[in-house]
């Protein structure tokens, strides 16, 4: 089966269309927090939020690793080879990194509010 890049983007768009508005709201909230932090003290104390954002990302990665087979109506027994396990681990790692980077500005803002 030969799929072009535009076909892959069309499939991705169709799958993400129901989540467009929640993702747009999340993006606007994230931008608002980043702008608020940018207008705050200099230099930005980004390391303060990292101690909170890393465990949040790790928990998200563990949750994706544990729940992804169930969400796709499969189980761990369906993972037959190293490629399946590797894909599941990389998917969980990618989701954990994404959640960590989304949580980082919020963690910095929360730490600055408590200081």
PDB file of N, CA and C in Angstrom:
ATOM      1  N   UNK A   1       0.851  -1.177   0.000  1.00  0.00           N
ATOM      2  CA  UNK A   1       0.000   0.000   0.000  1.00  0.00           C
ATOM      3  C   UNK A   1       0.889   1.230   0.000  1.00  0.00           C
ATOM      4  N   UNK A   2       0.708   2.068  -0.965  1.00  0.00           N
ATOM      5  CA  UNK A   2       1.527   3.263  -1.117  1.00  0.00           C
ATOM      6  C   UNK A   2       0.710   4.486  -0.718  1.00  0.00           C
ATOM      7  N   UNK A   3       1.074   5.088   0.418  1.00  0.00           N
ATOM      8  CA  UNK A   3       0.346   6.266   0.894  1.00  0.00           C
ATOM      9  C   UNK A   3       1.250   7.487   0.776  1.00  0.00           C
ATOM     10  N   UNK A   4       0.661   8.558   0.303  1.00  0.00           N
ATOM     11  CA  UNK A   4       1.428   9.790   0.222  1.00  0.00           C
ATOM     12  C   UNK A   4       1.336  10.528   1.550  1.00  0.00           C
ATOM     13  N   UNK A   5       2.169  11.538   1.699  1.00  0.00           N
ATOM     14  CA  UNK A   5       2.174  12.325   2.932  1.00  0.00           C
ATOM     15  C   UNK A   5       0.854  13.060   3.103  1.00  0.00           C
ATOM     16  N   UNK A   6       0.268  13.528   1.996  1.00  0.00           N
ATOM     17  CA  UNK A   6      -1.010  14.234   2.108  1.00  0.00           C
ATOM     18  C   UNK A   6      -2.118  13.284   2.570  1.00  0.00           C
ATOM     19  N   UNK A   7      -2.042  12.010   2.189  1.00  0.00           N
ATOM     20  CA  UNK A   7      -3.030  11.040   2.668  1.00  0.00           C
ATOM     21  C   UNK A   7      -2.889  10.819   4.165  1.00  0.00           C
ATOM     22  N   UNK A   8      -1.650  10.754   4.634  1.00  0.00           N
ATOM     23  CA  UNK A   8      -1.431  10.591   6.071  1.00  0.00           C
ATOM     24  C   UNK A   8      -1.934  11.796   6.853  1.00  0.00           C
ATOM     25  N   UNK A   9      -1.710  13.010   6.323  1.00  0.00           N
ATOM     26  CA  UNK A   9      -2.222  14.211   6.988  1.00  0.00           C
ATOM     27  C   UNK A   9      -3.746  14.240   6.971  1.00  0.00           C
ATOM     28  N   UNK A  10      -4.364  13.762   5.900  1.00  0.00           N
ATOM     29  CA  UNK A  10      -5.829  13.726   5.829  1.00  0.00           C
ATOM     30  C   UNK A  10      -6.384  12.766   6.882  1.00  0.00           C
ATOM     31  N   UNK A  11      -5.743  11.610   7.053  1.00  0.00           N
ATOM     32  CA  UNK A  11      -6.183  10.652   8.068  1.00  0.00           C
ATOM     33  C   UNK A  11      -6.002  11.241   9.465  1.00  0.00           C
ATOM     34  N   UNK A  12      -4.859  11.887   9.709  1.00  0.00           N
ATOM     35  CA  UNK A  12      -4.609  12.519  11.004  1.00  0.00           C
ATOM     36  C   UNK A  12      -5.634  13.609  11.281  1.00  0.00           C
ATOM     37  N   UNK A  13      -5.939  14.419  10.272  1.00  0.00           N
ATOM     38  CA  UNK A  13      -6.921  15.486  10.439  1.00  0.00           C
ATOM     39  C   UNK A  13      -8.297  14.920  10.777  1.00  0.00           C
ATOM     40  N   UNK A  14      -8.698  13.852  10.098  1.00  0.00           N
ATOM     41  CA  UNK A  14     -10.003  13.259  10.362  1.00  0.00           C
ATOM     42  C   UNK A  14     -10.078  12.668  11.766  1.00  0.00           C
ATOM     43  N   UNK A  15      -8.978  12.121  12.249  1.00  0.00           N
ATOM     44  CA  UNK A  15      -8.975  11.545  13.591  1.00  0.00           C
ATOM     45  C   UNK A  15      -8.942  12.605  14.678  1.00  0.00           C
ATOM     46  N   UNK A  16      -8.318  13.736  14.410  1.00  0.00           N
ATOM     47  CA  UNK A  16      -8.205  14.789  15.424  1.00  0.00           C
ATOM     48  C   UNK A  16      -9.316  15.827  15.355  1.00  0.00           C
ATOM     49  N   UNK A  17     -10.157  15.781  14.344  1.00  0.00           N
ATOM     50  CA  UNK A  17     -11.201  16.797  14.205  1.00  0.00           C
ATOM     51  C   UNK A  17     -12.123  16.897  15.423  1.00  0.00           C
ATOM     52  N   UNK A  18     -12.556  15.800  16.043  1.00  0.00           N
ATOM     53  CA  UNK A  18     -13.416  15.945  17.233  1.00  0.00           C
ATOM     54  C   UNK A  18     -12.724  16.634  18.409  1.00  0.00           C
ATOM     55  N   UNK A  19     -11.402  16.618  18.422  1.00  0.00           N
ATOM     56  CA  UNK A  19     -10.655  17.205  19.532  1.00  0.00           C
ATOM     57  C   UNK A  19     -10.110  18.591  19.210  1.00  0.00           C
ATOM     58  N   UNK A  20     -10.537  19.191  18.102  1.00  0.00           N
ATOM     59  CA  UNK A  20      -9.962  20.460  17.677  1.00  0.00           C
ATOM     60  C   UNK A  20     -10.186  21.559  18.711  1.00  0.00           C
ATOM     61  N   UNK A  21     -11.411  21.757  19.155  1.00  0.00           N
ATOM     62  CA  UNK A  21     -11.685  22.858  20.082  1.00  0.00           C
ATOM     63  C   UNK A  21     -11.052  22.647  21.453  1.00  0.00           C
ATOM     64  N   UNK A  22     -11.094  21.455  22.040  1.00  0.00           N
ATOM     65  CA  UNK A  22     -10.355  21.285  23.303  1.00  0.00           C
ATOM     66  C   UNK A  22      -8.851  21.508  23.139  1.00  0.00           C
ATOM     67  N   UNK A  23      -8.283  21.057  22.021  1.00  0.00           N
ATOM     68  CA  UNK A  23      -6.860  21.290  21.792  1.00  0.00           C
ATOM     69  C   UNK A  23      -6.567  22.773  21.575  1.00  0.00           C
ATOM     70  N   UNK A  24      -7.470  23.478  20.912  1.00  0.00           N
ATOM     71  CA  UNK A  24      -7.291  24.915  20.699  1.00  0.00           C
ATOM     72  C   UNK A  24      -7.349  25.670  22.035  1.00  0.00           C
ATOM     73  N   UNK A  25      -8.278  25.287  22.906  1.00  0.00           N
ATOM     74  CA  UNK A  25      -8.367  25.920  24.232  1.00  0.00           C
ATOM     75  C   UNK A  25      -7.109  25.627  25.038  1.00  0.00           C
ATOM     76  N   UNK A  26      -6.615  24.383  24.991  1.00  0.00           N
ATOM     77  CA  UNK A  26      -5.385  24.029  25.696  1.00  0.00           C
ATOM     78  C   UNK A  26      -4.206  24.845  25.177  1.00  0.00           C
ATOM     79  N   UNK A  27      -4.124  25.016  23.868  1.00  0.00           N
ATOM     80  CA  UNK A  27      -3.049  25.812  23.285  1.00  0.00           C
ATOM     81  C   UNK A  27      -3.139  27.269  23.724  1.00  0.00           C
ATOM     82  N   UNK A  28      -4.329  27.838  23.750  1.00  0.00           N
ATOM     83  CA  UNK A  28      -4.481  29.228  24.183  1.00  0.00           C
ATOM     84  C   UNK A  28      -4.142  29.398  25.664  1.00  0.00           C
ATOM     85  N   UNK A  29      -4.551  28.446  26.495  1.00  0.00           N
ATOM     86  CA  UNK A  29      -4.195  28.508  27.918  1.00  0.00           C
ATOM     87  C   UNK A  29      -2.683  28.399  28.111  1.00  0.00           C
ATOM     88  N   UNK A  30      -2.066  27.503  27.343  1.00  0.00           N
ATOM     89  CA  UNK A  30      -0.613  27.343  27.435  1.00  0.00           C
ATOM     90  C   UNK A  30       0.097  28.630  27.013  1.00  0.00           C
ATOM     91  N   UNK A  31      -0.380  29.247  25.936  1.00  0.00           N
ATOM     92  CA  UNK A  31       0.216  30.515  25.486  1.00  0.00           C
ATOM     93  C   UNK A  31       0.009  31.619  26.512  1.00  0.00           C
ATOM     94  N   UNK A  32      -1.153  31.645  27.161  1.00  0.00           N
ATOM     95  CA  UNK A  32      -1.405  32.656  28.190  1.00  0.00           C
ATOM     96  C   UNK A  32      -0.439  32.503  29.357  1.00  0.00           C
ATOM     97  N   UNK A  33      -0.199  31.282  29.780  1.00  0.00           N
ATOM     98  CA  UNK A  33       0.741  31.053  30.889  1.00  0.00           C
ATOM     99  C   UNK A  33       2.157  31.433  30.461  1.00  0.00           C
ATOM    100  N   UNK A  34       2.545  31.065  29.238  1.00  0.00           N
ATOM    101  CA  UNK A  34       3.886  31.420  28.761  1.00  0.00           C
ATOM    102  C   UNK A  34       4.068  32.933  28.675  1.00  0.00           C
ATOM    103  N   UNK A  35       3.052  33.653  28.206  1.00  0.00           N
ATOM    104  CA  UNK A  35       3.137  35.116  28.139  1.00  0.00           C
ATOM    105  C   UNK A  35       3.214  35.700  29.539  1.00  0.00           C
ATOM    106  N   UNK A  36       2.424  35.155  30.461  1.00  0.00           N
ATOM    107  CA  UNK A  36       2.447  35.636  31.851  1.00  0.00           C
ATOM    108  C   UNK A  36       3.826  35.428  32.474  1.00  0.00           C
ATOM    109  N   UNK A  37       4.437  34.276  32.196  1.00  0.00           N
ATOM    110  CA  UNK A  37       5.780  34.022  32.717  1.00  0.00           C
ATOM    111  C   UNK A  37       6.809  34.926  32.050  1.00  0.00           C
ATOM    112  N   UNK A  38       6.634  35.169  30.782  1.00  0.00           N
ATOM    113  CA  UNK A  38       7.579  36.010  30.050  1.00  0.00           C
ATOM    114  C   UNK A  38       7.552  37.442  30.572  1.00  0.00           C
ATOM    115  N   UNK A  39       6.391  37.897  31.034  1.00  0.00           N
ATOM    116  CA  UNK A  39       6.266  39.257  31.560  1.00  0.00           C
ATOM    117  C   UNK A  39       6.730  39.359  33.008  1.00  0.00           C
ATOM    118  N   UNK A  40       7.054  38.227  33.624  1.00  0.00           N
ATOM    119  CA  UNK A  40       7.428  38.190  35.034  1.00  0.00           C
ATOM    120  C   UNK A  40       8.891  38.486  35.264  1.00  0.00           C
ATOM    121  N   UNK A  41       9.430  37.952  36.348  1.00  0.00           N
ATOM    122  CA  UNK A  41      10.811  38.258  36.725  1.00  0.00           C
ATOM    123  C   UNK A  41      11.822  37.697  35.721  1.00  0.00           C
ATOM    124  N   UNK A  42      12.932  38.406  35.635  1.00  0.00           N
ATOM    125  CA  UNK A  42      14.027  37.971  34.755  1.00  0.00           C
ATOM    126  C   UNK A  42      15.208  37.586  35.606  1.00  0.00           C
ATOM    127  N   UNK A  43      15.982  36.623  35.303  1.00  0.00           N
ATOM    128  CA  UNK A  43      15.738  35.574  34.317  1.00  0.00           C
ATOM    129  C   UNK A  43      14.649  34.626  34.796  1.00  0.00           C
ATOM    130  N   UNK A  44      14.018  33.963  33.847  1.00  0.00           N
ATOM    131  CA  UNK A  44      12.942  33.043  34.206  1.00  0.00           C
ATOM    132  C   UNK A  44      13.487  31.868  35.018  1.00  0.00           C
ATOM    133  N   UNK A  45      12.880  31.586  36.144  1.00  0.00           N
ATOM    134  CA  UNK A  45      13.348  30.463  36.975  1.00  0.00           C
ATOM    135  C   UNK A  45      12.764  29.136  36.475  1.00  0.00           C
ATOM    136  N   UNK A  46      13.178  28.708  35.287  1.00  0.00           N
ATOM    137  CA  UNK A  46      12.603  27.509  34.678  1.00  0.00           C
ATOM    138  C   UNK A  46      12.945  26.238  35.443  1.00  0.00           C
ATOM    139  N   UNK A  47      14.073  26.227  36.116  1.00  0.00           N
ATOM    140  CA  UNK A  47      14.451  25.010  36.858  1.00  0.00           C
ATOM    141  C   UNK A  47      13.532  24.740  38.036  1.00  0.00           C
ATOM    142  N   UNK A  48      12.879  25.780  38.531  1.00  0.00           N
ATOM    143  CA  UNK A  48      11.973  25.575  39.665  1.00  0.00           C
ATOM    144  C   UNK A  48      10.805  24.676  39.283  1.00  0.00           C
ATOM    145  N   UNK A  49      10.335  24.798  38.062  1.00  0.00           N
ATOM    146  CA  UNK A  49       9.192  23.984  37.638  1.00  0.00           C
ATOM    147  C   UNK A  49       9.571  22.610  37.150  1.00  0.00           C
ATOM    148  N   UNK A  50      10.825  22.408  36.821  1.00  0.00           N
ATOM    149  CA  UNK A  50      11.256  21.132  36.277  1.00  0.00           C
ATOM    150  C   UNK A  50      11.102  20.000  37.290  1.00  0.00           C
ATOM    151  N   UNK A  51      11.317  20.300  38.562  1.00  0.00           N
ATOM    152  CA  UNK A  51      11.188  19.271  39.602  1.00  0.00           C
ATOM    153  C   UNK A  51       9.750  18.775  39.736  1.00  0.00           C
ATOM    154  N   UNK A  52       8.784  19.581  39.326  1.00  0.00           N
ATOM    155  CA  UNK A  52       7.391  19.162  39.365  1.00  0.00           C
ATOM    156  C   UNK A  52       6.936  18.609  38.021  1.00  0.00           C
ATOM    157  N   UNK A  53       7.452  19.158  36.932  1.00  0.00           N
ATOM    158  CA  UNK A  53       7.016  18.730  35.607  1.00  0.00           C
ATOM    159  C   UNK A  53       7.548  17.347  35.237  1.00  0.00           C
ATOM    160  N   UNK A  54       8.754  17.001  35.662  1.00  0.00           N
ATOM    161  CA  UNK A  54       9.308  15.684  35.334  1.00  0.00           C
ATOM    162  C   UNK A  54       8.487  14.525  35.897  1.00  0.00           C
ATOM    163  N   UNK A  55       8.090  14.537  37.171  1.00  0.00           N
ATOM    164  CA  UNK A  55       7.251  13.430  37.658  1.00  0.00           C
ATOM    165  C   UNK A  55       5.880  13.381  36.980  1.00  0.00           C
ATOM    166  N   UNK A  56       5.337  14.541  36.627  1.00  0.00           N
ATOM    167  CA  UNK A  56       4.054  14.547  35.918  1.00  0.00           C
ATOM    168  C   UNK A  56       4.207  13.869  34.558  1.00  0.00           C
ATOM    169  N   UNK A  57       5.288  14.181  33.851  1.00  0.00           N
ATOM    170  CA  UNK A  57       5.545  13.533  32.569  1.00  0.00           C
ATOM    171  C   UNK A  57       5.796  12.042  32.716  1.00  0.00           C
ATOM    172  N   UNK A  58       6.511  11.657  33.773  1.00  0.00           N
ATOM    173  CA  UNK A  58       6.767  10.232  34.011  1.00  0.00           C
ATOM    174  C   UNK A  58       5.472   9.484  34.306  1.00  0.00           C
ATOM    175  N   UNK A  59       4.586  10.089  35.092  1.00  0.00           N
ATOM    176  CA  UNK A  59       3.297   9.451  35.370  1.00  0.00           C
ATOM    177  C   UNK A  59       2.461   9.322  34.099  1.00  0.00           C
ATOM    178  N   UNK A  60       2.523  10.338  33.236  1.00  0.00           N
ATOM    179  CA  UNK A  60       1.792  10.265  31.970  1.00  0.00           C
ATOM    180  C   UNK A  60       2.354   9.162  31.087  1.00  0.00           C
ATOM    181  N   UNK A  61       3.672   9.007  31.063  1.00  0.00           N
ATOM    182  CA  UNK A  61       4.280   7.946  30.261  1.00  0.00           C
ATOM    183  C   UNK A  61       3.881   6.568  30.781  1.00  0.00           C
ATOM    184  N   UNK A  62       3.877   6.403  32.084  1.00  0.00           N
ATOM    185  CA  UNK A  62       3.468   5.119  32.669  1.00  0.00           C
ATOM    186  C   UNK A  62       1.997   4.841  32.366  1.00  0.00           C
ATOM    187  N   UNK A  63       1.155   5.874  32.459  1.00  0.00           N
ATOM    188  CA  UNK A  63      -0.271   5.700  32.170  1.00  0.00           C
ATOM    189  C   UNK A  63      -0.496   5.323  30.714  1.00  0.00           C
ATOM    190  N   UNK A  64       0.209   5.971  29.803  1.00  0.00           N
ATOM    191  CA  UNK A  64       0.053   5.631  28.385  1.00  0.00           C
ATOM    192  C   UNK A  64       0.549   4.216  28.126  1.00  0.00           C
ATOM    193  N   UNK A  65       1.660   3.844  28.730  1.00  0.00           N
ATOM    194  CA  UNK A  65       2.180   2.483  28.550  1.00  0.00           C
ATOM    195  C   UNK A  65       1.182   1.444  29.052  1.00  0.00           C
ATOM    196  N   UNK A  66       0.552   1.728  30.181  1.00  0.00           N
ATOM    197  CA  UNK A  66      -0.371   0.760  30.760  1.00  0.00           C
ATOM    198  C   UNK A  66      -1.730   0.755  30.076  1.00  0.00           C
ATOM    199  N   UNK A  67      -2.191   1.914  29.606  1.00  0.00           N
ATOM    200  CA  UNK A  67      -3.553   2.018  29.099  1.00  0.00           C
ATOM    201  C   UNK A  67      -3.682   1.959  27.590  1.00  0.00           C
ATOM    202  N   UNK A  68      -2.618   2.179  26.842  1.00  0.00           N
ATOM    203  CA  UNK A  68      -2.724   2.209  25.379  1.00  0.00           C
ATOM    204  C   UNK A  68      -3.243   0.899  24.801  1.00  0.00           C
ATOM    205  N   UNK A  69      -2.783  -0.262  25.247  1.00  0.00           N
ATOM    206  CA  UNK A  69      -3.375  -1.481  24.691  1.00  0.00           C
ATOM    207  C   UNK A  69      -4.874  -1.601  24.977  1.00  0.00           C
ATOM    208  N   UNK A  70      -5.305  -1.211  26.156  1.00  0.00           N
ATOM    209  CA  UNK A  70      -6.728  -1.303  26.486  1.00  0.00           C
ATOM    210  C   UNK A  70      -7.551  -0.314  25.665  1.00  0.00           C
ATOM    211  N   UNK A  71      -7.008   0.871  25.406  1.00  0.00           N
ATOM    212  CA  UNK A  71      -7.723   1.863  24.608  1.00  0.00           C
ATOM    213  C   UNK A  71      -7.909   1.371  23.181  1.00  0.00           C
ATOM    214  N   UNK A  72      -6.931   0.641  22.670  1.00  0.00           N
ATOM    215  CA  UNK A  72      -7.030   0.111  21.316  1.00  0.00           C
ATOM    216  C   UNK A  72      -7.709  -1.256  21.279  1.00  0.00           C
ATOM    217  N   UNK A  73      -8.357  -1.639  22.365  1.00  0.00           N
ATOM    218  CA  UNK A  73      -9.090  -2.892  22.500  1.00  0.00           C
ATOM    219  C   UNK A  73      -8.176  -4.097  22.269  1.00  0.00           C
ATOM    220  N   UNK A  74      -6.992  -4.027  22.835  1.00  0.00           N
ATOM    221  CA  UNK A  74      -6.030  -5.127  22.762  1.00  0.00           C
ATOM    222  C   UNK A  74      -5.584  -5.435  24.183  1.00  0.00           C
ATOM    223  N   UNK A  75      -4.590  -6.272  24.307  1.00  0.00           N
ATOM    224  CA  UNK A  75      -3.986  -6.537  25.599  1.00  0.00           C
ATOM    225  C   UNK A  75      -2.492  -6.748  25.390  1.00  0.00           C
ATOM    226  N   UNK A  76      -1.768  -6.917  26.482  1.00  0.00           N
ATOM    227  CA  UNK A  76      -0.322  -7.077  26.367  1.00  0.00           C
ATOM    228  C   UNK A  76       0.051  -8.387  25.677  1.00  0.00           C
ATOM    229  N   UNK A  77      -0.849  -9.346  25.660  1.00  0.00           N
ATOM    230  CA  UNK A  77      -0.591 -10.596  24.969  1.00  0.00           C
ATOM    231  C   UNK A  77      -0.533 -10.429  23.454  1.00  0.00           C
ATOM    232  N   UNK A  78      -1.149  -9.369  22.956  1.00  0.00           N
ATOM    233  CA  UNK A  78      -1.137  -9.114  21.510  1.00  0.00           C
ATOM    234  C   UNK A  78       0.200  -8.525  21.048  1.00  0.00           C
ATOM    235  N   UNK A  79       1.031  -8.094  21.997  1.00  0.00           N
ATOM    236  CA  UNK A  79       2.346  -7.563  21.635  1.00  0.00           C
ATOM    237  C   UNK A  79       3.285  -8.741  21.441  1.00  0.00           C
ATOM    238  N   UNK A  80       3.550  -9.064  20.182  1.00  0.00           N
ATOM    239  CA  UNK A  80       4.233 -10.322  19.903  1.00  0.00           C
ATOM    240  C   UNK A  80       5.743 -10.209  19.777  1.00  0.00           C
ATOM    241  N   UNK A  81       6.247  -9.088  19.364  1.00  0.00           N
ATOM    242  CA  UNK A  81       7.683  -9.007  19.132  1.00  0.00           C
ATOM    243  C   UNK A  81       8.281  -7.735  19.687  1.00  0.00           C
ATOM    244  N   UNK A  82       9.578  -7.590  19.444  1.00  0.00           N
ATOM    245  CA  UNK A  82      10.295  -6.439  19.975  1.00  0.00           C
ATOM    246  C   UNK A  82       9.822  -5.146  19.316  1.00  0.00           C
ATOM    247  N   UNK A  83       9.354  -5.226  18.078  1.00  0.00           N
ATOM    248  CA  UNK A  83       8.877  -4.021  17.397  1.00  0.00           C
ATOM    249  C   UNK A  83       7.607  -3.486  18.049  1.00  0.00           C
ATOM    250  N   UNK A  84       6.695  -4.373  18.411  1.00  0.00           N
ATOM    251  CA  UNK A  84       5.471  -3.948  19.096  1.00  0.00           C
ATOM    252  C   UNK A  84       5.778  -3.317  20.447  1.00  0.00           C
ATOM    253  N   UNK A  85       6.653  -3.991  21.214  1.00  0.00           N
ATOM    254  CA  UNK A  85       7.020  -3.447  22.524  1.00  0.00           C
ATOM    255  C   UNK A  85       7.768  -2.120  22.376  1.00  0.00           C
ATOM    256  N   UNK A  86       8.650  -2.053  21.403  1.00  0.00           N
ATOM    257  CA  UNK A  86       9.392  -0.812  21.175  1.00  0.00           C
ATOM    258  C   UNK A  86       8.476   0.331  20.780  1.00  0.00           C
ATOM    259  N   UNK A  87       7.498   0.045  19.910  1.00  0.00           N
ATOM    260  CA  UNK A  87       6.555   1.085  19.521  1.00  0.00           C
ATOM    261  C   UNK A  87       5.744   1.566  20.712  1.00  0.00           C
ATOM    262  N   UNK A  88       5.290   0.643  21.540  1.00  0.00           N
ATOM    263  CA  UNK A  88       4.518   1.024  22.728  1.00  0.00           C
ATOM    264  C   UNK A  88       5.373   1.865  23.678  1.00  0.00           C
ATOM    265  N   UNK A  89       6.632   1.471  23.875  1.00  0.00           N
ATOM    266  CA  UNK A  89       7.509   2.242  24.764  1.00  0.00           C
ATOM    267  C   UNK A  89       7.802   3.636  24.204  1.00  0.00           C
ATOM    268  N   UNK A  90       8.043   3.721  22.896  1.00  0.00           N
ATOM    269  CA  UNK A  90       8.329   5.030  22.294  1.00  0.00           C
ATOM    270  C   UNK A  90       7.084   5.922  22.290  1.00  0.00           C
ATOM    271  N   UNK A  91       5.908   5.320  22.101  1.00  0.00           N
ATOM    272  CA  UNK A  91       4.674   6.087  22.160  1.00  0.00           C
ATOM    273  C   UNK A  91       4.463   6.627  23.573  1.00  0.00           C
ATOM    274  N   UNK A  92       4.715   5.793  24.577  1.00  0.00           N
ATOM    275  CA  UNK A  92       4.576   6.233  25.961  1.00  0.00           C
ATOM    276  C   UNK A  92       5.606   7.306  26.295  1.00  0.00           C
ATOM    277  N   UNK A  93       6.831   7.133  25.829  1.00  0.00           N
ATOM    278  CA  UNK A  93       7.870   8.134  26.074  1.00  0.00           C
ATOM    279  C   UNK A  93       7.523   9.465  25.409  1.00  0.00           C
ATOM    280  N   UNK A  94       7.039   9.409  24.192  1.00  0.00           N
ATOM    281  CA  UNK A  94       6.649  10.636  23.495  1.00  0.00           C
ATOM    282  C   UNK A  94       5.511  11.351  24.200  1.00  0.00           C
ATOM    283  N   UNK A  95       4.521  10.599  24.665  1.00  0.00           N
ATOM    284  CA  UNK A  95       3.405  11.205  25.394  1.00  0.00           C
ATOM    285  C   UNK A  95       3.881  11.802  26.710  1.00  0.00           C
ATOM    286  N   UNK A  96       4.794  11.116  27.393  1.00  0.00           N
ATOM    287  CA  UNK A  96       5.327  11.644  28.655  1.00  0.00           C
ATOM    288  C   UNK A  96       6.105  12.927  28.453  1.00  0.00           C
ATOM    289  N   UNK A  97       6.910  12.987  27.398  1.00  0.00           N
ATOM    290  CA  UNK A  97       7.671  14.212  27.108  1.00  0.00           C
ATOM    291  C   UNK A  97       6.724  15.350  26.747  1.00  0.00           C
ATOM    292  N   UNK A  98       5.694  15.055  25.955  1.00  0.00           N
ATOM    293  CA  UNK A  98       4.720  16.086  25.596  1.00  0.00           C
ATOM    294  C   UNK A  98       4.019  16.632  26.829  1.00  0.00           C
ATOM    295  N   UNK A  99       3.582  15.752  27.706  1.00  0.00           N
ATOM    296  CA  UNK A  99       2.899  16.195  28.933  1.00  0.00           C
ATOM    297  C   UNK A  99       3.859  16.970  29.827  1.00  0.00           C
ATOM    298  N   UNK A 100       5.123  16.537  29.884  1.00  0.00           N
ATOM    299  CA  UNK A 100       6.095  17.262  30.702  1.00  0.00           C
ATOM    300  C   UNK A 100       6.277  18.689  30.189  1.00  0.00           C
ATOM    301  N   UNK A 101       6.415  18.833  28.859  1.00  0.00           N
ATOM    302  CA  UNK A 101       6.605  20.167  28.313  1.00  0.00           C
ATOM    303  C   UNK A 101       5.352  21.026  28.433  1.00  0.00           C
ATOM    304  N   UNK A 102       4.167  20.413  28.404  1.00  0.00           N
ATOM    305  CA  UNK A 102       2.946  21.175  28.624  1.00  0.00           C
ATOM    306  C   UNK A 102       2.779  21.565  30.091  1.00  0.00           C
ATOM    307  N   UNK A 103       3.257  20.711  30.999  1.00  0.00           N
ATOM    308  CA  UNK A 103       3.114  20.986  32.434  1.00  0.00           C
ATOM    309  C   UNK A 103       4.193  21.915  32.961  1.00  0.00           C
ATOM    310  N   UNK A 104       5.312  22.046  32.262  1.00  0.00           N
ATOM    311  CA  UNK A 104       6.440  22.825  32.764  1.00  0.00           C
ATOM    312  C   UNK A 104       6.088  24.287  33.033  1.00  0.00           C
ATOM    313  N   UNK A 105       5.483  25.032  32.088  1.00  0.00           N
ATOM    314  CA  UNK A 105       5.137  26.424  32.413  1.00  0.00           C
ATOM    315  C   UNK A 105       4.157  26.543  33.567  1.00  0.00           C
ATOM    316  N   UNK A 106       3.201  25.614  33.650  1.00  0.00           N
ATOM    317  CA  UNK A 106       2.256  25.648  34.755  1.00  0.00           C
ATOM    318  C   UNK A 106       2.965  25.401  36.080  1.00  0.00           C
ATOM    319  N   UNK A 107       3.932  24.500  36.077  1.00  0.00           N
ATOM    320  CA  UNK A 107       4.685  24.219  37.305  1.00  0.00           C
ATOM    321  C   UNK A 107       5.520  25.423  37.722  1.00  0.00           C
ATOM    322  N   UNK A 108       6.137  26.097  36.754  1.00  0.00           N
ATOM    323  CA  UNK A 108       6.908  27.308  37.073  1.00  0.00           C
ATOM    324  C   UNK A 108       5.985  28.368  37.643  1.00  0.00           C
ATOM    325  N   UNK A 109       4.838  28.560  37.023  1.00  0.00           N
ATOM    326  CA  UNK A 109       3.874  29.564  37.498  1.00  0.00           C
ATOM    327  C   UNK A 109       3.402  29.221  38.907  1.00  0.00           C
ATOM    328  N   UNK A 110       3.125  27.943  39.175  1.00  0.00           N
ATOM    329  CA  UNK A 110       2.667  27.530  40.479  1.00  0.00           C
ATOM    330  C   UNK A 110       3.754  27.730  41.531  1.00  0.00           C
ATOM    331  N   UNK A 111       5.008  27.403  41.194  1.00  0.00           N
ATOM    332  CA  UNK A 111       6.117  27.594  42.134  1.00  0.00           C
ATOM    333  C   UNK A 111       6.349  29.079  42.423  1.00  0.00           C
ATOM    334  N   UNK A 112       6.214  29.928  41.383  1.00  0.00           N
ATOM    335  CA  UNK A 112       6.393  31.372  41.606  1.00  0.00           C
ATOM    336  C   UNK A 112       5.266  31.937  42.445  1.00  0.00           C
ATOM    337  N   UNK A 113       4.073  31.427  42.287  1.00  0.00           N
ATOM    338  CA  UNK A 113       2.916  31.915  43.077  1.00  0.00           C
ATOM    339  C   UNK A 113       3.069  31.520  44.540  1.00  0.00           C
ATOM    340  N   UNK A 114       3.700  30.386  44.811  1.00  0.00           N
ATOM    341  CA  UNK A 114       3.867  29.936  46.179  1.00  0.00           C
ATOM    342  C   UNK A 114       5.075  30.563  46.864  1.00  0.00           C
ATOM    343  N   UNK A 115       5.990  31.133  46.078  1.00  0.00           N
ATOM    344  CA  UNK A 115       7.218  31.688  46.650  1.00  0.00           C
ATOM    345  C   UNK A 115       6.981  33.035  47.305  1.00  0.00           C
TER     346      UNK A 115
END
